[in-house]
Amino acid sequence: MEPIVLPGIEEYAEAHTSPPTDVLRALAEETRAILDKPHMMVGGLEGRFLEMLVYATAPRIVLEIGTYSGYSSISMAAGLTPNGFIITCELSEAHAEVARRHIAAAGYSNAIDVQVGPAIDTVRRLDGPFDLVFIDADKESYIDYYEAVLLKLSDRGIIAADNTLWSGAVLDASDTSSGTTAIRAFNDHVAADDRVVCVQLTVRDGITLIRRR
């Protein structure tokens, strides 16, 4: 991931953020060592942001689209109330196995359910309502995920969509790659949707928070 803030600022922010737990450090090390595309892991700064978001909103049901190795699930679980629960969707059984192992090590097996299979099918099967939805999966399907969860949000539910600045590539008109095109289309779709209120944040690779109007 290319930096999208001034050089040194993200490192400064990380240095002034509570450090990851030992379980998350071990998870990060294993992810970098054995999994493809370790940059997909949210990392310490965004992990703490997600934990704070969960802590502040006290969701009963969190839906995560895109587990990868479980860093974000474990981070969010740390902010749950005793009655809170996370359903997380992962396409890859290999990724899910890594996630489940570290979720167990963190003591959150009873708070996180890893569902394996196409996320859109899982989302359509679930009734909701969801108090918080974190979208961090294949970018080409972001609009589909958004539409599938929007009407299943609770009254005060929030959608958090990751990577919406896409390492700054959203500003590069010459970049017509599928991921960049998909993120631009998603950002425009949400901004023009009069059903919602949104704010795009420059945290790490960009996070957009969305609620129903």
C-alpha atoms as a PDB file:
ATOM      1  CA  MET A   1       0.000   0.000   0.000  1.00  0.00           C
ATOM      2  CA  GLU A   2       1.390   3.392  -1.001  1.00  0.00           C
ATOM      3  CA  PRO A   3       1.236   6.131   1.660  1.00  0.00           C
ATOM      4  CA  ILE A   4      -1.540   8.702   1.222  1.00  0.00           C
ATOM      5  CA  VAL A   5      -0.505  11.107   3.981  1.00  0.00           C
ATOM      6  CA  LEU A   6       2.702  13.106   4.485  1.00  0.00           C
ATOM      7  CA  PRO A   7       5.808  10.945   4.916  1.00  0.00           C
ATOM      8  CA  GLY A   8       6.241   9.969   8.545  1.00  0.00           C
ATOM      9  CA  ILE A   9       2.720  10.936   9.639  1.00  0.00           C
ATOM     10  CA  GLU A  10       1.317   7.402   9.621  1.00  0.00           C
ATOM     11  CA  GLU A  11       4.366   6.152  11.548  1.00  0.00           C
ATOM     12  CA  TYR A  12       3.864   9.000  14.033  1.00  0.00           C
ATOM     13  CA  ALA A  13       0.196   8.082  14.421  1.00  0.00           C
ATOM     14  CA  GLU A  14       1.079   4.429  14.969  1.00  0.00           C
ATOM     15  CA  ALA A  15       3.653   5.405  17.594  1.00  0.00           C
ATOM     16  CA  HIS A  16       0.978   7.357  19.465  1.00  0.00           C
ATOM     17  CA  THR A  17      -1.639   4.598  19.249  1.00  0.00           C
ATOM     18  CA  SER A  18      -1.929   1.797  21.811  1.00  0.00           C
ATOM     19  CA  PRO A  19       0.205  -1.077  20.503  1.00  0.00           C
ATOM     20  CA  PRO A  20      -1.250  -4.371  19.291  1.00  0.00           C
ATOM     21  CA  THR A  21      -1.672  -7.289  21.673  1.00  0.00           C
ATOM     22  CA  ASP A  22       0.729 -10.220  21.565  1.00  0.00           C
ATOM     23  CA  VAL A  23      -1.915 -12.286  19.746  1.00  0.00           C
ATOM     24  CA  LEU A  24      -2.264  -9.640  17.044  1.00  0.00           C
ATOM     25  CA  ARG A  25       1.503  -9.350  16.705  1.00  0.00           C
ATOM     26  CA  ALA A  26       1.760 -13.114  16.224  1.00  0.00           C
ATOM     27  CA  LEU A  27      -1.095 -13.015  13.709  1.00  0.00           C
ATOM     28  CA  ALA A  28       0.578 -10.217  11.759  1.00  0.00           C
ATOM     29  CA  GLU A  29       3.884 -12.091  11.689  1.00  0.00           C
ATOM     30  CA  GLU A  30       2.252 -15.295  10.433  1.00  0.00           C
ATOM     31  CA  THR A  31       0.208 -13.408   7.842  1.00  0.00           C
ATOM     32  CA  ARG A  32       3.333 -11.809   6.395  1.00  0.00           C
ATOM     33  CA  ALA A  33       5.199 -15.126   6.464  1.00  0.00           C
ATOM     34  CA  ILE A  34       2.690 -17.533   4.907  1.00  0.00           C
ATOM     35  CA  LEU A  35      -0.196 -15.736   3.187  1.00  0.00           C
ATOM     36  CA  ASP A  36      -0.380 -14.026  -0.174  1.00  0.00           C
ATOM     37  CA  LYS A  37      -1.014 -10.279  -0.249  1.00  0.00           C
ATOM     38  CA  PRO A  38      -0.289  -9.504   3.424  1.00  0.00           C
ATOM     39  CA  HIS A  39      -0.996  -5.823   2.689  1.00  0.00           C
ATOM     40  CA  MET A  40      -4.695  -6.785   2.875  1.00  0.00           C
ATOM     41  CA  MET A  41      -4.371  -7.023   6.668  1.00  0.00           C
ATOM     42  CA  VAL A  42      -5.713  -3.884   8.354  1.00  0.00           C
ATOM     43  CA  GLY A  43      -2.769  -3.503  10.745  1.00  0.00           C
ATOM     44  CA  GLY A  44      -2.375  -1.822  14.105  1.00  0.00           C
ATOM     45  CA  LEU A  45      -3.641   1.693  13.413  1.00  0.00           C
ATOM     46  CA  GLU A  46      -6.838   0.687  11.656  1.00  0.00           C
ATOM     47  CA  GLY A  47      -7.329  -2.224  14.038  1.00  0.00           C
ATOM     48  CA  ARG A  48      -7.454   0.186  16.976  1.00  0.00           C
ATOM     49  CA  PHE A  49      -9.765   2.470  14.989  1.00  0.00           C
ATOM     50  CA  LEU A  50     -12.177  -0.417  14.427  1.00  0.00           C
ATOM     51  CA  GLU A  51     -11.976  -1.409  18.088  1.00  0.00           C
ATOM     52  CA  MET A  52     -12.851   2.160  19.109  1.00  0.00           C
ATOM     53  CA  LEU A  53     -15.709   2.274  16.585  1.00  0.00           C
ATOM     54  CA  VAL A  54     -17.171  -0.906  18.051  1.00  0.00           C
ATOM     55  CA  TYR A  55     -16.616   0.287  21.615  1.00  0.00           C
ATOM     56  CA  ALA A  56     -18.331   3.617  20.898  1.00  0.00           C
ATOM     57  CA  THR A  57     -21.340   2.193  19.063  1.00  0.00           C
ATOM     58  CA  ALA A  58     -21.820  -0.935  21.218  1.00  0.00           C
ATOM     59  CA  PRO A  59     -23.215  -3.077  18.376  1.00  0.00           C
ATOM     60  CA  ARG A  60     -25.078  -6.282  19.142  1.00  0.00           C
ATOM     61  CA  ILE A  61     -24.378  -7.807  15.721  1.00  0.00           C
ATOM     62  CA  VAL A  62     -21.337  -6.922  13.598  1.00  0.00           C
ATOM     63  CA  LEU A  63     -21.093  -8.212  10.034  1.00  0.00           C
ATOM     64  CA  GLU A  64     -17.654  -8.287   8.453  1.00  0.00           C
ATOM     65  CA  ILE A  65     -17.265  -8.910   4.724  1.00  0.00           C
ATOM     66  CA  GLY A  66     -13.694 -10.105   4.209  1.00  0.00           C
ATOM     67  CA  THR A  67     -12.033 -11.908   7.133  1.00  0.00           C
ATOM     68  CA  TYR A  68      -8.614 -12.524   5.562  1.00  0.00           C
ATOM     69  CA  SER A  69      -6.447 -13.722   8.489  1.00  0.00           C
ATOM     70  CA  GLY A  70      -8.667 -12.337  11.246  1.00  0.00           C
ATOM     71  CA  TYR A  71      -6.846  -9.192  12.377  1.00  0.00           C
ATOM     72  CA  SER A  72      -9.876  -6.929  11.986  1.00  0.00           C
ATOM     73  CA  SER A  73     -12.266  -9.455  13.560  1.00  0.00           C
ATOM     74  CA  ILE A  74     -10.083  -9.808  16.637  1.00  0.00           C
ATOM     75  CA  SER A  75      -9.602  -6.038  16.842  1.00  0.00           C
ATOM     76  CA  MET A  76     -13.349  -5.412  16.722  1.00  0.00           C
ATOM     77  CA  ALA A  77     -14.054  -8.167  19.248  1.00  0.00           C
ATOM     78  CA  ALA A  78     -11.955  -6.287  21.801  1.00  0.00           C
ATOM     79  CA  GLY A  79     -14.535  -3.475  21.727  1.00  0.00           C
ATOM     80  CA  LEU A  80     -17.665  -5.628  21.983  1.00  0.00           C
ATOM     81  CA  THR A  81     -20.068  -5.570  24.898  1.00  0.00           C
ATOM     82  CA  PRO A  82     -20.681  -8.968  26.566  1.00  0.00           C
ATOM     83  CA  ASN A  83     -23.754  -9.431  24.348  1.00  0.00           C
ATOM     84  CA  GLY A  84     -21.996  -8.465  21.118  1.00  0.00           C
ATOM     85  CA  PHE A  85     -21.272 -10.922  18.299  1.00  0.00           C
ATOM     86  CA  ILE A  86     -19.370 -10.843  14.996  1.00  0.00           C
ATOM     87  CA  ILE A  87     -20.232 -12.745  11.831  1.00  0.00           C
ATOM     88  CA  THR A  88     -17.336 -12.615   9.402  1.00  0.00           C
ATOM     89  CA  CYS A  89     -17.362 -13.807   5.779  1.00  0.00           C
ATOM     90  CA  GLU A  90     -14.337 -15.353   4.061  1.00  0.00           C
ATOM     91  CA  LEU A  91     -14.073 -16.982   0.649  1.00  0.00           C
ATOM     92  CA  SER A  92     -10.844 -18.889   1.310  1.00  0.00           C
ATOM     93  CA  GLU A  93     -10.858 -21.889   3.654  1.00  0.00           C
ATOM     94  CA  ALA A  94      -7.084 -21.489   4.072  1.00  0.00           C
ATOM     95  CA  HIS A  95      -7.519 -17.911   5.273  1.00  0.00           C
ATOM     96  CA  ALA A  96     -10.416 -18.958   7.505  1.00  0.00           C
ATOM     97  CA  GLU A  97      -8.260 -21.639   9.152  1.00  0.00           C
ATOM     98  CA  VAL A  98      -5.598 -19.082  10.058  1.00  0.00           C
ATOM     99  CA  ALA A  99      -8.259 -16.686  11.326  1.00  0.00           C
ATOM    100  CA  ARG A 100     -10.014 -19.304  13.485  1.00  0.00           C
ATOM    101  CA  ARG A 101      -6.717 -20.354  15.076  1.00  0.00           C
ATOM    102  CA  HIS A 102      -5.822 -16.822  16.102  1.00  0.00           C
ATOM    103  CA  ILE A 103      -9.398 -16.013  17.131  1.00  0.00           C
ATOM    104  CA  ALA A 104      -9.195 -18.987  19.517  1.00  0.00           C
ATOM    105  CA  ALA A 105      -5.805 -17.826  20.821  1.00  0.00           C
ATOM    106  CA  ALA A 106      -7.316 -14.402  21.521  1.00  0.00           C
ATOM    107  CA  GLY A 107     -10.194 -16.002  23.453  1.00  0.00           C
ATOM    108  CA  TYR A 108     -12.936 -14.862  21.074  1.00  0.00           C
ATOM    109  CA  SER A 109     -14.184 -18.164  19.613  1.00  0.00           C
ATOM    110  CA  ASN A 110     -17.573 -17.643  21.244  1.00  0.00           C
ATOM    111  CA  ALA A 111     -17.842 -14.078  19.936  1.00  0.00           C
ATOM    112  CA  ILE A 112     -16.812 -14.548  16.285  1.00  0.00           C
ATOM    113  CA  ASP A 113     -18.383 -16.863  13.702  1.00  0.00           C
ATOM    114  CA  VAL A 114     -16.301 -17.354  10.529  1.00  0.00           C
ATOM    115  CA  GLN A 115     -18.551 -18.170   7.571  1.00  0.00           C
ATOM    116  CA  VAL A 116     -16.776 -19.634   4.519  1.00  0.00           C
ATOM    117  CA  GLY A 117     -18.144 -19.105   1.004  1.00  0.00           C
ATOM    118  CA  PRO A 118     -19.071 -16.257  -1.343  1.00  0.00           C
ATOM    119  CA  ALA A 119     -19.850 -13.317   0.933  1.00  0.00           C
ATOM    120  CA  ILE A 120     -22.785 -12.087  -1.131  1.00  0.00           C
ATOM    121  CA  ASP A 121     -24.521 -15.446  -0.619  1.00  0.00           C
ATOM    122  CA  THR A 122     -23.892 -15.335   3.118  1.00  0.00           C
ATOM    123  CA  VAL A 123     -25.183 -11.767   3.380  1.00  0.00           C
ATOM    124  CA  ARG A 124     -28.335 -12.579   1.447  1.00  0.00           C
ATOM    125  CA  ARG A 125     -28.966 -15.580   3.681  1.00  0.00           C
ATOM    126  CA  LEU A 126     -28.706 -13.571   6.904  1.00  0.00           C
ATOM    127  CA  ASP A 127     -31.693 -11.618   8.180  1.00  0.00           C
ATOM    128  CA  GLY A 128     -29.951  -8.946  10.209  1.00  0.00           C
ATOM    129  CA  PRO A 129     -30.420  -6.349  11.497  1.00  0.00           C
ATOM    130  CA  PHE A 130     -26.751  -5.441  11.611  1.00  0.00           C
ATOM    131  CA  ASP A 131     -25.533  -2.672  13.886  1.00  0.00           C
ATOM    132  CA  LEU A 132     -22.139  -2.378  12.193  1.00  0.00           C
ATOM    133  CA  VAL A 133     -20.983  -3.684   8.811  1.00  0.00           C
ATOM    134  CA  PHE A 134     -17.305  -3.636   7.844  1.00  0.00           C
ATOM    135  CA  ILE A 135     -16.720  -4.106   4.102  1.00  0.00           C
ATOM    136  CA  ASP A 136     -13.168  -5.119   3.205  1.00  0.00           C
ATOM    137  CA  ALA A 137     -13.308  -7.718   0.430  1.00  0.00           C
ATOM    138  CA  ASP A 138     -13.026  -7.759  -3.386  1.00  0.00           C
ATOM    139  CA  LYS A 139     -13.428  -4.192  -4.575  1.00  0.00           C
ATOM    140  CA  GLU A 140     -15.371  -5.118  -7.708  1.00  0.00           C
ATOM    141  CA  SER A 141     -18.252  -6.290  -5.486  1.00  0.00           C
ATOM    142  CA  TYR A 142     -18.368  -3.315  -3.100  1.00  0.00           C
ATOM    143  CA  ILE A 143     -21.547  -1.869  -4.577  1.00  0.00           C
ATOM    144  CA  ASP A 144     -23.237  -5.281  -4.426  1.00  0.00           C
ATOM    145  CA  TYR A 145     -22.240  -5.723  -0.786  1.00  0.00           C
ATOM    146  CA  TYR A 146     -23.393  -2.196   0.039  1.00  0.00           C
ATOM    147  CA  GLU A 147     -26.787  -2.692  -1.543  1.00  0.00           C
ATOM    148  CA  ALA A 148     -27.212  -6.087   0.108  1.00  0.00           C
ATOM    149  CA  VAL A 149     -26.587  -4.761   3.618  1.00  0.00           C
ATOM    150  CA  LEU A 150     -28.059  -1.258   3.452  1.00  0.00           C
ATOM    151  CA  LEU A 151     -31.658  -2.276   4.101  1.00  0.00           C
ATOM    152  CA  LYS A 152     -30.539  -4.797   6.734  1.00  0.00           C
ATOM    153  CA  LEU A 153     -28.963  -2.139   8.949  1.00  0.00           C
ATOM    154  CA  SER A 154     -30.487  -1.510  12.357  1.00  0.00           C
ATOM    155  CA  ASP A 155     -32.007   1.925  12.980  1.00  0.00           C
ATOM    156  CA  ARG A 156     -28.655   3.375  14.059  1.00  0.00           C
ATOM    157  CA  GLY A 157     -26.494   0.980  12.059  1.00  0.00           C
ATOM    158  CA  ILE A 158     -23.259   2.022  10.363  1.00  0.00           C
ATOM    159  CA  ILE A 159     -21.398   0.688   7.344  1.00  0.00           C
ATOM    160  CA  ALA A 160     -17.607   1.111   7.336  1.00  0.00           C
ATOM    161  CA  ALA A 161     -16.042   0.546   3.907  1.00  0.00           C
ATOM    162  CA  ASP A 162     -12.271   0.092   3.760  1.00  0.00           C
ATOM    163  CA  ASN A 163      -9.710   1.103   1.091  1.00  0.00           C
ATOM    164  CA  THR A 164     -11.871   3.866  -0.356  1.00  0.00           C
ATOM    165  CA  LEU A 165      -8.850   6.041  -1.196  1.00  0.00           C
ATOM    166  CA  TRP A 166      -7.024   3.081  -2.751  1.00  0.00           C
ATOM    167  CA  SER A 167      -3.493   4.356  -2.055  1.00  0.00           C
ATOM    168  CA  GLY A 168      -4.467   7.644  -3.695  1.00  0.00           C
ATOM    169  CA  ALA A 169      -5.142   5.955  -7.054  1.00  0.00           C
ATOM    170  CA  VAL A 170      -8.685   7.365  -7.048  1.00  0.00           C
ATOM    171  CA  LEU A 171      -7.085  10.683  -8.120  1.00  0.00           C
ATOM    172  CA  ASP A 172      -5.081   9.191 -10.968  1.00  0.00           C
ATOM    173  CA  ALA A 173      -7.247   9.501 -14.082  1.00  0.00           C
ATOM    174  CA  SER A 174      -4.819   7.311 -16.037  1.00  0.00           C
ATOM    175  CA  ASP A 175      -5.391   4.367 -13.671  1.00  0.00           C
ATOM    176  CA  THR A 176      -8.195   2.325 -15.190  1.00  0.00           C
ATOM    177  CA  SER A 177      -7.403  -0.973 -13.448  1.00  0.00           C
ATOM    178  CA  SER A 178     -10.386  -2.956 -12.224  1.00  0.00           C
ATOM    179  CA  GLY A 179      -9.810  -2.278  -8.528  1.00  0.00           C
ATOM    180  CA  THR A 180      -9.356   1.452  -8.972  1.00  0.00           C
ATOM    181  CA  THR A 181     -12.359   1.710 -11.292  1.00  0.00           C
ATOM    182  CA  ALA A 182     -14.475  -0.256  -8.812  1.00  0.00           C
ATOM    183  CA  ILE A 183     -13.498   1.911  -5.845  1.00  0.00           C
ATOM    184  CA  ARG A 184     -14.211   5.104  -7.787  1.00  0.00           C
ATOM    185  CA  ALA A 185     -17.613   3.718  -8.810  1.00  0.00           C
ATOM    186  CA  PHE A 186     -18.387   2.760  -5.202  1.00  0.00           C
ATOM    187  CA  ASN A 187     -17.358   6.166  -3.850  1.00  0.00           C
ATOM    188  CA  ASP A 188     -19.493   7.962  -6.456  1.00  0.00           C
ATOM    189  CA  HIS A 189     -22.409   5.591  -5.834  1.00  0.00           C
ATOM    190  CA  VAL A 190     -22.421   6.269  -2.090  1.00  0.00           C
ATOM    191  CA  ALA A 191     -21.882  10.024  -2.406  1.00  0.00           C
ATOM    192  CA  ALA A 192     -24.848  10.287  -4.794  1.00  0.00           C
ATOM    193  CA  ASP A 193     -27.141   8.041  -2.737  1.00  0.00           C
ATOM    194  CA  ASP A 194     -29.761  10.247  -1.076  1.00  0.00           C
ATOM    195  CA  ARG A 195     -30.729   7.360   1.216  1.00  0.00           C
ATOM    196  CA  VAL A 196     -27.540   7.807   3.245  1.00  0.00           C
ATOM    197  CA  VAL A 197     -25.184  10.205   4.987  1.00  0.00           C
ATOM    198  CA  CYS A 198     -21.467   9.437   4.619  1.00  0.00           C
ATOM    199  CA  VAL A 199     -18.037  10.706   5.592  1.00  0.00           C
ATOM    200  CA  GLN A 200     -14.765   9.622   3.990  1.00  0.00           C
ATOM    201  CA  LEU A 201     -11.802   9.470   6.367  1.00  0.00           C
ATOM    202  CA  THR A 202      -8.098   9.474   5.505  1.00  0.00           C
ATOM    203  CA  VAL A 203      -7.301   6.768   8.057  1.00  0.00           C
ATOM    204  CA  ARG A 204      -4.677   4.470   6.521  1.00  0.00           C
ATOM    205  CA  ASP A 205      -6.016   3.605   3.016  1.00  0.00           C
ATOM    206  CA  GLY A 206      -9.305   5.461   3.436  1.00  0.00           C
ATOM    207  CA  ILE A 207     -12.405   4.421   5.392  1.00  0.00           C
ATOM    208  CA  THR A 208     -15.893   5.634   4.525  1.00  0.00           C
ATOM    209  CA  LEU A 209     -18.524   5.627   7.271  1.00  0.00           C
ATOM    210  CA  ILE A 210     -22.137   5.440   6.096  1.00  0.00           C
ATOM    211  CA  ARG A 211     -25.521   5.559   7.825  1.00  0.00           C
ATOM    212  CA  ARG A 212     -29.070   5.662   6.534  1.00  0.00           C
ATOM    213  CA  ARG A 213     -30.478   9.172   6.282  1.00  0.00           C
END
